[in-house]
Amino acid sequence: MRGKTVTRADLADSLIREVGLSRQDSSDFVDRIFDLISDELARGKSVKLSSFGAFHVRDKNQRMGRNPKTGEEVSIEPRRVIVFKSSQVLKERVDSGNK
């Protein structure tokens, strides 16, 4: 899939081919997985996917930034961001180019 973004529909199609689920069931399954991950992250919890990586929520403090066009200093409000840390297995697989 080089040069192509993998979509929810692509994941659902893979479930249809590999597992034999119906189109509706596979689509619902993919949606439910993403809902579960999103819900846990919204609660501030981490989500670890074995052999893939982990998603963590990080709180960023308020800080001063600069508008790159005008040079004007602006206050950047505190916020929560999602950080992904890939597993060693994923890193090795990407590095070796295996599919």
C-alpha atoms as a PDB file:
ATOM      1  CA  MET A   1       0.000   0.000   0.000  1.00  0.00           C
ATOM      2  CA  ARG A   2       2.915   2.332  -0.649  1.00  0.00           C
ATOM      3  CA  GLY A   3       1.825   5.897  -1.247  1.00  0.00           C
ATOM      4  CA  LYS A   4      -1.698   5.240  -0.010  1.00  0.00           C
ATOM      5  CA  THR A   5      -3.344   6.102   3.265  1.00  0.00           C
ATOM      6  CA  VAL A   6      -4.951   3.156   5.025  1.00  0.00           C
ATOM      7  CA  THR A   7      -8.568   4.003   5.830  1.00  0.00           C
ATOM      8  CA  ARG A   8     -11.235   2.468   8.041  1.00  0.00           C
ATOM      9  CA  ALA A   9     -12.744   0.969   4.899  1.00  0.00           C
ATOM     10  CA  ASP A  10      -9.389  -0.679   4.078  1.00  0.00           C
ATOM     11  CA  LEU A  11      -9.253  -2.191   7.556  1.00  0.00           C
ATOM     12  CA  ALA A  12     -12.842  -3.428   7.243  1.00  0.00           C
ATOM     13  CA  ASP A  13     -12.062  -4.940   3.820  1.00  0.00           C
ATOM     14  CA  SER A  14      -9.117  -6.784   5.367  1.00  0.00           C
ATOM     15  CA  LEU A  15     -11.441  -8.266   7.983  1.00  0.00           C
ATOM     16  CA  ILE A  16     -13.810  -9.379   5.244  1.00  0.00           C
ATOM     17  CA  ARG A  17     -10.971 -11.113   3.375  1.00  0.00           C
ATOM     18  CA  GLU A  18      -9.002 -12.527   6.318  1.00  0.00           C
ATOM     19  CA  VAL A  19     -11.724 -13.406   8.836  1.00  0.00           C
ATOM     20  CA  GLY A  20     -14.804 -13.720   6.673  1.00  0.00           C
ATOM     21  CA  LEU A  21     -16.961 -11.199   8.504  1.00  0.00           C
ATOM     22  CA  SER A  22     -19.797  -9.533   6.666  1.00  0.00           C
ATOM     23  CA  ARG A  23     -19.253  -6.002   5.368  1.00  0.00           C
ATOM     24  CA  GLN A  24     -21.511  -4.542   8.083  1.00  0.00           C
ATOM     25  CA  ASP A  25     -19.938  -6.582  10.885  1.00  0.00           C
ATOM     26  CA  SER A  26     -16.400  -5.732   9.821  1.00  0.00           C
ATOM     27  CA  SER A  27     -17.227  -2.028   9.553  1.00  0.00           C
ATOM     28  CA  ASP A  28     -18.887  -2.094  12.988  1.00  0.00           C
ATOM     29  CA  PHE A  29     -15.896  -3.950  14.434  1.00  0.00           C
ATOM     30  CA  VAL A  30     -13.389  -1.389  13.149  1.00  0.00           C
ATOM     31  CA  ASP A  31     -15.553   1.494  14.354  1.00  0.00           C
ATOM     32  CA  ARG A  32     -15.906  -0.100  17.796  1.00  0.00           C
ATOM     33  CA  ILE A  33     -12.140  -0.593  18.151  1.00  0.00           C
ATOM     34  CA  PHE A  34     -11.487   3.075  17.349  1.00  0.00           C
ATOM     35  CA  ASP A  35     -14.291   4.136  19.700  1.00  0.00           C
ATOM     36  CA  LEU A  36     -12.754   2.122  22.546  1.00  0.00           C
ATOM     37  CA  ILE A  37      -9.296   3.596  21.933  1.00  0.00           C
ATOM     38  CA  SER A  38     -10.720   7.128  21.704  1.00  0.00           C
ATOM     39  CA  ASP A  39     -12.792   6.718  24.860  1.00  0.00           C
ATOM     40  CA  GLU A  40      -9.819   5.534  26.913  1.00  0.00           C
ATOM     41  CA  LEU A  41      -7.619   8.365  25.653  1.00  0.00           C
ATOM     42  CA  ALA A  42     -10.371  10.893  26.413  1.00  0.00           C
ATOM     43  CA  ARG A  43     -10.371   9.578  29.990  1.00  0.00           C
ATOM     44  CA  GLY A  44      -6.627  10.251  30.147  1.00  0.00           C
ATOM     45  CA  LYS A  45      -5.644   6.587  30.105  1.00  0.00           C
ATOM     46  CA  SER A  46      -2.931   5.009  27.968  1.00  0.00           C
ATOM     47  CA  VAL A  47      -3.689   2.413  25.298  1.00  0.00           C
ATOM     48  CA  LYS A  48      -1.087  -0.253  24.564  1.00  0.00           C
ATOM     49  CA  LEU A  49      -1.326  -2.447  21.477  1.00  0.00           C
ATOM     50  CA  SER A  50       1.101  -5.342  21.830  1.00  0.00           C
ATOM     51  CA  SER A  51       3.763  -5.506  19.091  1.00  0.00           C
ATOM     52  CA  PHE A  52       2.508  -2.188  17.712  1.00  0.00           C
ATOM     53  CA  GLY A  53       2.913   0.600  20.242  1.00  0.00           C
ATOM     54  CA  ALA A  54       1.254   2.712  22.881  1.00  0.00           C
ATOM     55  CA  PHE A  55      -0.817   5.874  22.849  1.00  0.00           C
ATOM     56  CA  HIS A  56      -0.405   8.195  25.845  1.00  0.00           C
ATOM     57  CA  VAL A  57      -2.131  11.427  26.814  1.00  0.00           C
ATOM     58  CA  ARG A  58       0.229  14.214  27.807  1.00  0.00           C
ATOM     59  CA  ASP A  59      -0.705  17.503  29.436  1.00  0.00           C
ATOM     60  CA  LYS A  60       1.108  20.510  28.010  1.00  0.00           C
ATOM     61  CA  ASN A  61       1.458  23.632  30.119  1.00  0.00           C
ATOM     62  CA  GLN A  62       0.615  27.148  29.048  1.00  0.00           C
ATOM     63  CA  ARG A  63       3.546  28.839  27.331  1.00  0.00           C
ATOM     64  CA  MET A  64       4.440  31.822  25.260  1.00  0.00           C
ATOM     65  CA  GLY A  65       4.754  31.336  21.528  1.00  0.00           C
ATOM     66  CA  ARG A  66       5.409  33.578  18.578  1.00  0.00           C
ATOM     67  CA  ASN A  67       3.334  34.207  15.467  1.00  0.00           C
ATOM     68  CA  PRO A  68       5.780  33.301  12.658  1.00  0.00           C
ATOM     69  CA  LYS A  69       4.306  35.892  10.271  1.00  0.00           C
ATOM     70  CA  THR A  70       4.223  38.895  12.548  1.00  0.00           C
ATOM     71  CA  GLY A  71       6.672  37.962  15.288  1.00  0.00           C
ATOM     72  CA  GLU A  72       4.001  38.891  17.829  1.00  0.00           C
ATOM     73  CA  GLU A  73       4.138  36.959  21.100  1.00  0.00           C
ATOM     74  CA  VAL A  74       0.995  35.003  21.895  1.00  0.00           C
ATOM     75  CA  SER A  75      -0.057  32.868  24.825  1.00  0.00           C
ATOM     76  CA  ILE A  76      -0.558  29.202  23.980  1.00  0.00           C
ATOM     77  CA  GLU A  77      -3.205  27.737  26.266  1.00  0.00           C
ATOM     78  CA  PRO A  78      -2.640  24.500  28.196  1.00  0.00           C
ATOM     79  CA  ARG A  79      -3.896  21.448  26.364  1.00  0.00           C
ATOM     80  CA  ARG A  80      -3.834  17.681  26.223  1.00  0.00           C
ATOM     81  CA  VAL A  81      -2.083  15.945  23.349  1.00  0.00           C
ATOM     82  CA  ILE A  82      -1.828  12.337  22.236  1.00  0.00           C
ATOM     83  CA  VAL A  83       1.642  10.869  21.946  1.00  0.00           C
ATOM     84  CA  PHE A  84       2.397   7.592  20.147  1.00  0.00           C
ATOM     85  CA  LYS A  85       5.421   5.480  21.016  1.00  0.00           C
ATOM     86  CA  SER A  86       6.039   2.610  18.653  1.00  0.00           C
ATOM     87  CA  SER A  87       7.086  -0.799  19.947  1.00  0.00           C
ATOM     88  CA  GLN A  88      10.488  -2.258  19.205  1.00  0.00           C
ATOM     89  CA  VAL A  89       8.789  -4.932  17.071  1.00  0.00           C
ATOM     90  CA  LEU A  90       7.159  -2.267  14.885  1.00  0.00           C
ATOM     91  CA  LYS A  91      10.390  -0.273  14.642  1.00  0.00           C
ATOM     92  CA  GLU A  92      12.307  -3.349  13.483  1.00  0.00           C
ATOM     93  CA  ARG A  93       9.615  -4.273  10.978  1.00  0.00           C
ATOM     94  CA  VAL A  94       9.546  -0.771   9.479  1.00  0.00           C
ATOM     95  CA  ASP A  95      13.341  -0.623   9.397  1.00  0.00           C
ATOM     96  CA  SER A  96      13.623  -3.951   7.579  1.00  0.00           C
ATOM     97  CA  GLY A  97      10.863  -3.081   5.095  1.00  0.00           C
ATOM     98  CA  ASN A  98       8.918  -6.296   5.759  1.00  0.00           C
ATOM     99  CA  LYS A  99       5.223  -6.282   5.037  1.00  0.00           C
END
